[in-house]
Protein backbone atom coordinates (compact mmCIF):
# COMPACT_ATOMS: atom_id res chain seq x y z
CA MET A 1 0.04 -0.06 0.03
CA SER A 2 1.23 3.55 -0.64
CA LEU A 3 1.28 5.74 2.31
CA ARG A 4 -1.54 7.81 1.01
CA GLU A 5 -3.67 4.76 0.51
CA ALA A 6 -2.84 3.74 4.12
CA ARG A 7 -3.86 7.14 5.46
CA ARG A 8 -7.15 7.05 3.66
CA VAL A 9 -8.04 3.48 4.77
CA ALA A 10 -7.24 4.42 8.28
CA LEU A 11 -9.26 7.64 8.23
CA ALA A 12 -12.20 5.97 6.57
CA ALA A 13 -12.24 3.15 9.22
CA GLN A 14 -12.44 5.85 11.89
CA GLY A 15 -15.46 7.54 10.19
CA PHE A 16 -13.86 10.20 8.15
CA GLY A 17 -14.06 10.97 4.44
CA GLY A 18 -17.70 11.77 3.48
CA ALA A 19 -19.74 14.94 4.14
CA LYS A 20 -20.75 15.50 7.63
CA PRO A 21 -24.44 14.42 8.15
CA PRO A 22 -27.18 17.03 8.16
CA THR A 23 -28.82 15.36 11.17
CA ARG A 24 -26.77 14.61 14.37
CA GLY A 25 -29.31 12.72 16.58
CA PRO A 26 -29.04 9.76 18.93
CA ALA A 27 -28.81 7.27 16.05
CA ARG A 28 -25.86 8.98 14.52
CA ILE A 29 -24.14 9.31 17.83
CA ALA A 30 -24.74 5.66 18.47
CA ALA A 31 -23.29 4.64 15.05
CA VAL A 32 -20.06 6.54 15.84
CA LEU A 33 -19.78 4.82 19.19
CA GLU A 34 -20.27 1.48 17.59
CA ARG A 35 -17.53 2.22 15.06
CA LEU A 36 -14.97 3.31 17.71
CA ARG A 37 -16.09 0.79 20.35
CA LEU A 38 -14.66 2.99 23.11
CA LEU A 39 -14.26 6.67 24.11
CA GLN A 40 -11.36 7.50 26.24
CA ILE A 41 -11.97 9.81 29.25
CA ASP A 42 -9.95 12.71 30.42
CA SER A 43 -10.95 15.36 32.82
CA VAL A 44 -9.18 18.41 31.24
CA ASN A 45 -11.79 20.83 30.09
CA VAL A 46 -9.83 23.87 29.09
CA PHE A 47 -11.74 23.66 25.70
CA GLU A 48 -13.86 20.60 26.27
CA ARG A 49 -13.60 17.22 27.92
CA SER A 50 -11.94 14.73 25.63
CA HIS A 51 -14.69 12.19 25.20
CA TYR A 52 -16.97 14.85 23.63
CA LEU A 53 -14.42 15.69 20.87
CA PRO A 54 -14.29 12.48 18.72
CA MET A 55 -17.94 12.92 18.02
CA LEU A 56 -17.65 16.57 17.10
CA ALA A 57 -14.72 15.68 14.64
CA ARG A 58 -16.83 13.08 12.86
CA ILE A 59 -20.34 14.55 12.66
CA GLY A 60 -20.01 18.22 13.59
CA PRO A 61 -21.79 20.33 16.26
CA TYR A 62 -24.20 18.05 18.16
CA ASP A 63 -26.10 18.12 21.37
CA ARG A 64 -23.75 16.86 24.05
CA ALA A 65 -26.77 15.92 26.23
CA LEU A 66 -27.47 13.14 23.74
CA LEU A 67 -23.96 11.62 24.32
CA ASP A 68 -24.42 12.17 28.13
CA ARG A 69 -27.55 9.97 28.03
CA LEU A 70 -25.63 7.24 26.35
CA VAL A 71 -22.46 7.19 28.63
CA LEU A 72 -23.03 9.18 31.72
CA GLN A 73 -26.51 8.38 32.93
CA PRO A 74 -27.34 5.26 34.97
CA GLY A 75 -29.22 2.38 32.92
CA THR A 76 -27.49 3.34 29.58
CA PRO A 77 -25.80 0.71 27.27
CA TYR A 78 -22.22 1.94 28.28
CA VAL A 79 -20.06 1.65 31.35
CA GLU A 80 -16.44 2.56 32.15
CA TYR A 81 -13.42 0.26 32.21
CA TRP A 82 -9.68 0.16 31.68
CA ALA A 83 -10.09 -0.66 27.91
CA HIS A 84 -7.36 1.67 26.41
CA GLU A 85 -6.99 4.05 29.41
CA ALA A 86 -10.12 4.83 31.28
CA ALA A 87 -12.86 4.67 28.65
CA PHE A 88 -16.62 4.20 28.02
CA VAL A 89 -17.25 0.73 26.52
CA PRO A 90 -20.53 -1.22 25.83
CA LYS A 91 -21.76 -3.30 28.81
CA THR A 92 -21.73 -6.23 26.50
CA ASP A 93 -17.99 -5.92 26.13
CA LEU A 94 -17.09 -6.28 29.87
CA GLY A 95 -16.79 -10.10 29.46
CA LEU A 96 -13.90 -9.56 27.08
CA PHE A 97 -11.87 -7.95 29.92
CA ALA A 98 -12.02 -10.76 32.39
CA PHE A 99 -8.31 -11.54 31.91
CA ARG A 100 -7.61 -7.89 32.81
CA ARG A 101 -9.83 -7.94 35.85
CA ARG A 102 -7.92 -11.06 37.01
CA PHE A 103 -4.67 -9.31 36.42
CA TYR A 104 -5.71 -6.43 38.66
CA ALA A 105 -7.18 -8.68 41.21
CA HIS A 106 -3.67 -10.38 41.60
CA ARG A 107 -1.68 -7.14 41.30
CA TYR A 108 -3.66 -5.36 43.99
CA ALA A 109 -4.45 -8.31 46.22
CA GLU A 110 -2.16 -7.38 49.13
CA ARG A 111 -3.24 -3.67 48.95
CA LEU A 112 -6.94 -4.63 48.98
CA GLU A 113 -6.45 -7.16 51.81
CA ALA A 114 -4.91 -4.30 53.86
CA HIS A 115 -8.28 -2.45 53.43
CA ARG A 116 -10.46 -5.50 53.76
CA GLY A 117 -12.63 -4.00 56.52
CA LEU A 118 -13.27 -0.84 54.43
CA ALA A 119 -13.88 -2.71 51.33
CA ASP A 120 -16.53 -4.91 52.98
CA LEU A 121 -18.08 -1.79 54.46
CA LEU A 122 -18.24 -0.10 51.04
CA LEU A 123 -19.80 -3.07 49.35
CA ALA A 124 -22.40 -3.21 52.00
CA GLU A 125 -23.13 0.49 51.52
CA LEU A 126 -23.57 -0.07 47.75
CA ALA A 127 -25.91 -3.06 48.47
CA SER A 128 -28.14 -1.03 50.85
CA ARG A 129 -28.09 2.35 49.23
CA GLY A 130 -27.46 1.61 45.52
CA PRO A 131 -24.99 3.42 43.23
CA LEU A 132 -22.94 5.96 44.96
CA ALA A 133 -20.02 8.43 44.20
CA ALA A 134 -17.17 8.36 46.67
CA SER A 135 -18.17 11.73 48.02
CA GLU A 136 -21.53 10.48 48.91
CA ILE A 137 -20.07 7.87 51.47
CA GLU A 138 -19.67 9.09 54.99
CA HIS A 139 -16.58 7.45 56.60
CA SER A 140 -13.68 8.66 58.59
CA ALA A 141 -11.44 7.29 55.77
CA ASN A 142 -13.12 9.58 53.28
CA VAL A 143 -10.63 12.46 53.70
CA ARG A 144 -8.67 13.55 50.70
CA SER A 145 -4.91 13.69 51.03
CA GLY A 146 -1.67 13.68 49.11
CA PRO A 147 -0.65 15.29 45.72
CA TRP A 148 -2.55 15.21 42.38
CA TRP A 149 -6.07 14.08 42.81
CA GLY A 150 -5.70 13.65 46.63
CA TRP A 151 -7.75 10.56 46.76
CA SER A 152 -9.16 9.34 50.06
CA ASP A 153 -8.91 5.81 51.30
CA VAL A 154 -12.54 5.37 50.34
CA LYS A 155 -11.82 6.45 46.73
CA ARG A 156 -8.78 4.40 46.44
CA THR A 157 -10.56 1.24 47.71
CA LEU A 158 -13.47 1.86 45.30
CA GLU A 159 -10.99 2.07 42.48
CA LEU A 160 -9.34 -1.27 43.44
CA LEU A 161 -12.70 -2.95 43.53
CA PHE A 162 -13.57 -1.30 40.22
CA ALA A 163 -10.27 -2.49 38.58
CA GLN A 164 -10.88 -6.11 39.64
CA GLY A 165 -14.50 -6.07 38.65
CA THR A 166 -16.14 -6.38 42.04
CA VAL A 167 -17.88 -3.01 41.35
CA VAL A 168 -18.78 -1.45 38.11
CA THR A 169 -19.76 2.16 37.22
CA ALA A 170 -23.23 3.60 37.14
CA GLY A 171 -22.66 6.76 35.17
CA ARG A 172 -21.28 9.82 36.70
CA ARG A 173 -22.42 12.47 39.15
CA GLY A 174 -21.19 15.79 37.67
CA PHE A 175 -17.92 14.28 36.44
CA GLU A 176 -17.46 12.09 39.50
CA ARG A 177 -17.66 8.31 38.93
CA ARG A 178 -20.44 6.51 40.56
CA TYR A 179 -19.94 2.97 41.70
CA ALA A 180 -22.33 0.14 41.91
CA LEU A 181 -22.64 -3.61 42.38
CA PRO A 182 -22.72 -5.45 39.01
CA GLU A 183 -26.28 -6.63 39.52
CA GLN A 184 -27.44 -3.09 40.05
CA VAL A 185 -26.26 -2.00 36.63
CA LEU A 186 -25.95 -4.96 34.27
CA GLU A 187 -29.01 -6.50 32.79
CA GLU A 188 -27.26 -9.88 32.39
CA PRO A 189 -24.39 -11.23 34.53
CA MET A 190 -20.91 -10.86 33.13
CA VAL A 191 -19.94 -13.90 31.15
CA ASP A 192 -16.15 -14.23 31.29
CA VAL A 193 -14.59 -14.85 27.88
CA PRO A 194 -11.48 -17.05 27.88
CA GLU A 195 -8.34 -14.99 27.49
CA ARG A 196 -7.22 -16.33 24.08
CA ASP A 197 -10.69 -15.84 22.56
CA ALA A 198 -11.00 -12.30 24.25
CA VAL A 199 -7.64 -11.18 22.93
CA ARG A 200 -8.46 -12.41 19.38
CA GLU A 201 -11.76 -10.52 19.39
CA LEU A 202 -10.14 -7.40 20.78
CA VAL A 203 -7.44 -7.48 18.06
CA ARG A 204 -10.11 -8.06 15.49
CA ARG A 205 -11.92 -5.03 16.62
CA ALA A 206 -8.71 -2.91 16.77
CA ALA A 207 -7.92 -3.99 13.20
CA VAL A 208 -11.36 -2.96 11.94
CA ALA A 209 -11.06 0.35 13.89
CA HIS A 210 -7.59 1.10 12.53
CA GLY A 211 -8.29 -0.15 8.85
CA VAL A 212 -4.55 -0.75 8.40
CA ALA A 213 -2.29 -1.38 11.23
CA ALA A 214 1.15 -2.65 12.34
CA LEU A 215 1.43 -4.94 15.33
CA PRO A 216 2.05 -2.24 17.98
CA ASP A 217 -1.13 -0.54 16.62
CA LEU A 218 -3.22 -3.64 17.10
CA ALA A 219 -1.82 -4.10 20.59
CA ASP A 220 -2.31 -0.52 21.65
CA TYR A 221 -5.93 -0.10 20.90
CA TYR A 222 -6.95 -2.15 23.89
CA ARG A 223 -3.47 -2.08 25.67
CA LEU A 224 -2.57 -5.58 24.93
CA ARG A 225 0.82 -7.27 25.13
CA ILE A 226 2.65 -7.43 21.83
CA ASP A 227 3.03 -11.29 22.03
CA GLN A 228 -0.80 -11.64 22.67
CA ALA A 229 -1.54 -9.40 19.76
CA ALA A 230 0.94 -11.09 17.53
CA THR A 231 -0.67 -14.60 18.21
CA ALA A 232 -4.20 -13.12 17.60
CA ALA A 233 -3.11 -11.51 14.34
CA ARG A 234 -1.78 -14.72 12.92
CA GLU A 235 -4.94 -16.55 13.73
CA LEU A 236 -7.13 -13.75 12.21
CA GLU A 237 -5.01 -13.90 9.10
CA ASP A 238 -5.39 -17.60 8.79
CA ALA A 239 -9.18 -16.97 9.09
CA GLY A 240 -9.02 -14.40 6.33
CA GLU A 241 -10.05 -11.54 8.52
CA LEU A 242 -6.73 -9.81 8.26
CA VAL A 243 -4.72 -9.29 4.98
CA PRO A 244 -1.03 -8.93 5.36
CA VAL A 245 0.28 -5.75 3.59
CA GLN A 246 3.44 -3.75 3.29
CA VAL A 247 3.01 0.03 3.81
CA GLU A 248 5.32 2.32 2.04
CA GLY A 249 7.93 3.69 4.53
CA TRP A 250 6.93 1.49 7.42
CA ARG A 251 10.19 -0.27 8.45
CA ARG A 252 11.43 -2.39 11.24
CA GLY A 253 15.21 -2.76 11.11
CA ALA A 254 16.36 -3.57 7.62
CA GLY A 255 12.96 -4.89 6.39
CA PRO A 256 9.42 -3.81 6.19
CA MET A 257 7.30 -3.56 9.26
CA PRO A 258 4.58 -6.37 9.44
CA ALA A 259 1.20 -4.96 8.84
CA TRP A 260 -2.35 -5.91 8.21
CA ARG A 261 -5.39 -4.50 6.51
CA ALA A 262 -8.83 -5.51 7.90
CA ALA A 263 -10.42 -7.48 5.15
CA SER A 264 -13.43 -5.18 5.07
CA ALA A 265 -11.36 -2.01 4.80
CA LEU A 266 -11.10 -0.26 1.51
CA PRO A 267 -9.74 3.25 0.57
CA PRO A 268 -12.56 5.75 0.10
CA VAL A 269 -13.06 7.36 -3.34
CA ARG A 270 -12.85 10.82 -1.69
CA MET A 271 -11.54 12.29 1.54
CA ARG A 272 -13.24 15.53 2.48
CA ALA A 273 -12.26 15.60 6.07
CA ALA A 274 -11.65 18.76 8.07
CA ALA A 275 -11.61 18.52 11.87
CA LEU A 276 -9.80 19.22 15.03
CA LEU A 277 -8.86 16.03 16.89
CA SER A 278 -8.68 15.57 20.69
CA PRO A 279 -5.22 14.50 21.97
CA PHE A 280 -7.04 11.25 22.97
CA ASP A 281 -8.85 10.62 19.67
CA PRO A 282 -8.07 7.03 18.35
CA VAL A 283 -6.52 8.64 15.13
CA VAL A 284 -3.76 10.23 17.10
CA TRP A 285 -3.57 8.66 20.57
CA GLN A 286 -0.64 6.36 19.53
CA ARG A 287 2.22 8.86 18.72
CA ASP A 288 4.47 6.46 16.95
CA ARG A 289 1.54 5.49 14.67
CA ILE A 290 0.79 9.05 13.54
CA GLU A 291 4.43 9.62 12.77
CA ARG A 292 4.40 6.65 10.53
CA LEU A 293 1.09 7.60 8.87
CA PHE A 294 1.20 11.31 8.79
CA GLY A 295 4.82 12.26 9.54
CA PHE A 296 3.32 14.24 12.42
CA HIS A 297 5.49 14.42 15.60
CA TYR A 298 2.98 15.17 18.48
CA ARG A 299 3.24 15.44 22.14
CA ILE A 300 0.41 16.66 24.36
CA SER A 301 1.60 19.70 26.39
CA ILE A 302 -0.77 20.01 29.27
CA TYR A 303 1.81 18.44 31.64
CA THR A 304 4.78 20.41 30.20
CA PRO A 305 6.02 23.49 31.99
CA ALA A 306 4.90 26.65 30.14
CA ALA A 307 8.35 27.73 29.23
CA GLU A 308 9.05 24.37 27.39
CA ARG A 309 5.86 24.15 25.39
CA VAL A 310 6.39 24.56 21.64
CA HIS A 311 2.91 24.86 20.24
CA GLY A 312 0.72 25.70 23.19
CA TYR A 313 -1.21 24.21 26.08
CA TYR A 314 -4.26 22.14 24.79
CA VAL A 315 -3.05 21.63 21.16
CA LEU A 316 -5.41 19.85 18.87
CA PRO A 317 -4.09 18.24 15.63
CA ALA A 318 -5.94 19.70 12.57
CA LEU A 319 -7.05 17.20 9.94
CA VAL A 320 -7.43 18.51 6.45
CA GLY A 321 -8.17 15.92 3.70
CA ASP A 322 -5.91 12.88 4.38
CA ARG A 323 -3.12 14.91 6.17
CA LEU A 324 -2.73 16.34 9.66
CA ALA A 325 -1.98 19.85 8.33
CA GLY A 326 -1.74 22.01 11.44
CA ARG A 327 -2.10 22.34 15.15
CA ILE A 328 -4.49 24.72 17.11
CA ASP A 329 -4.37 25.57 20.73
CA LEU A 330 -7.90 26.27 21.97
CA LYS A 331 -9.35 27.65 25.13
CA ALA A 332 -13.07 28.18 25.90
CA ASP A 333 -13.48 31.52 27.96
CA ARG A 334 -16.98 30.73 28.92
CA LYS A 335 -17.34 33.76 31.25
CA ALA A 336 -16.53 36.17 28.43
CA GLY A 337 -18.33 34.01 25.63
CA VAL A 338 -15.21 33.82 23.56
CA LEU A 339 -13.35 30.93 21.93
CA LEU A 340 -9.56 31.77 22.24
CA VAL A 341 -7.38 30.52 19.50
CA GLN A 342 -4.19 30.83 21.56
CA ALA A 343 -2.02 29.61 18.75
CA ALA A 344 -2.28 28.23 15.19
CA TRP A 345 0.44 26.41 13.33
CA ILE A 346 0.88 24.89 9.92
CA GLU A 347 2.80 21.70 9.15
CA PRO A 348 5.67 21.94 6.73
CA GLY A 349 4.54 20.96 3.22
CA ALA A 350 0.80 21.27 3.90
CA LYS A 351 -1.13 21.24 0.62
CA GLY A 352 -1.99 24.73 -0.56
CA GLY A 353 0.03 26.62 2.05
CA PRO A 354 -1.24 28.57 4.96
CA GLY A 355 -4.02 30.42 3.13
CA ALA A 356 -5.66 27.11 1.78
CA VAL A 357 -5.31 25.29 5.23
CA ALA A 358 -6.80 28.45 7.06
CA GLU A 359 -9.81 28.47 4.66
CA ARG A 360 -10.52 24.68 5.34
CA LEU A 361 -10.18 25.13 9.14
CA ALA A 362 -12.09 28.42 9.54
CA PRO A 363 -15.56 26.73 9.34
CA VAL A 364 -14.21 24.00 11.81
CA VAL A 365 -13.34 26.70 14.37
CA ARG A 366 -16.49 28.50 13.82
CA ASP A 367 -18.47 25.28 14.49
CA ALA A 368 -16.33 24.73 17.71
CA ALA A 369 -17.39 28.10 19.02
CA ARG A 370 -20.97 27.61 18.21
CA TRP A 371 -21.01 24.15 19.69
CA GLN A 372 -19.70 25.57 22.92
CA GLY A 373 -22.30 28.40 22.92
CA LEU A 374 -19.59 31.04 22.42
CA ASP A 375 -20.43 34.30 20.62
CA ALA A 376 -16.96 35.37 19.47
CA ILE A 377 -13.58 34.02 18.33
CA ALA A 378 -10.27 35.68 19.24
CA VAL A 379 -7.04 34.64 17.46
CA ALA A 380 -3.76 35.34 19.21
CA GLU A 381 -0.80 36.37 17.18
CA ARG A 382 1.13 33.17 17.81
CA GLY A 383 2.08 30.58 15.24
CA ASP A 384 2.73 30.63 11.55
CA LEU A 385 -0.97 30.03 10.72
CA ALA A 386 -2.30 32.57 12.99
CA ALA A 387 -2.63 35.52 10.61
CA GLU A 388 -4.17 33.47 7.81
CA LEU A 389 -6.68 31.83 10.19
CA ALA A 390 -7.69 35.25 11.52
CA ALA A 391 -8.23 36.53 8.10
CA ALA A 392 -10.23 33.49 7.04
CA LEU A 393 -12.37 33.87 10.24
CA GLY A 394 -12.98 37.47 9.22
């Protein structure tokens, strides 16, 4: 495959290529979720929380409350688990992660045993009161302490129980995870899938979601071990579900990097994409993959000291056609009603140069402001695309 073909296959598999739909109701949102199979969660909301952004990129401005009803409310088809990182996944997929629950149960056995009394108390609380957030539980151990999140012993213990599957999630309260016993949330008991079968199914799903993928890509989608993914890929190749390919420029040592195309994946006739991507969008979350596909070196900067940031704080890769053509640092000033473009950069060699890229991205930035309910856009004079983008926005 040429690199251009590989990019187009990958983007089409992720739901890019055609015109954005005129209607953006629940069925359209559910279709995107079915395609991606998971939404990674991140709490940073300087522009918007990450799990809302893949939908915006694929279908345009939509009602976030519709997504909330699918993933945040109790009684919905989705729960959270450690699928990639913390992510929303279909309830029906939980059985595929039995091997991961066992891993966490073994890894944290001593830690959980040290808090056995508290764990039993918490399980009794959930049994008697139903789903609860950690902050709703009154206990002397429910005192925040330490750096970063400052979790209490109650929160830490609930997280251990969640990792090993003793409790599951029941939506969120605000943005705080709510915990429940499995029988309070799941319509059917979890049926554990044997590890080899589960890994093969997860690799199959990763292949379909990627369109074309090297072995590290197949492993990373669901954070599997390389050896697990390699075995599953060979089995899927034997079954005709994966087609071995060589992608232009993908090298491992002196030879080509082993890669596969999902048998159902084909390059689209056209690629009309224009979107801003979350740092945690499946298209870009694996940094090595986007360097191979797009020649795009990307590092998220939210944890980088200000003096060391190159492109900004919350920098979103800008997709134009089948290339990552730029980077835009966005911030929503909700009090002032302004979308701040704090920096805008173009990638070297972007088709058409700054003017053409800015014209393609200006409607995307306008949509982002409208979607956030912001009345104005302000473009700072930082970055080699800033002046052209400001002009394109008028």
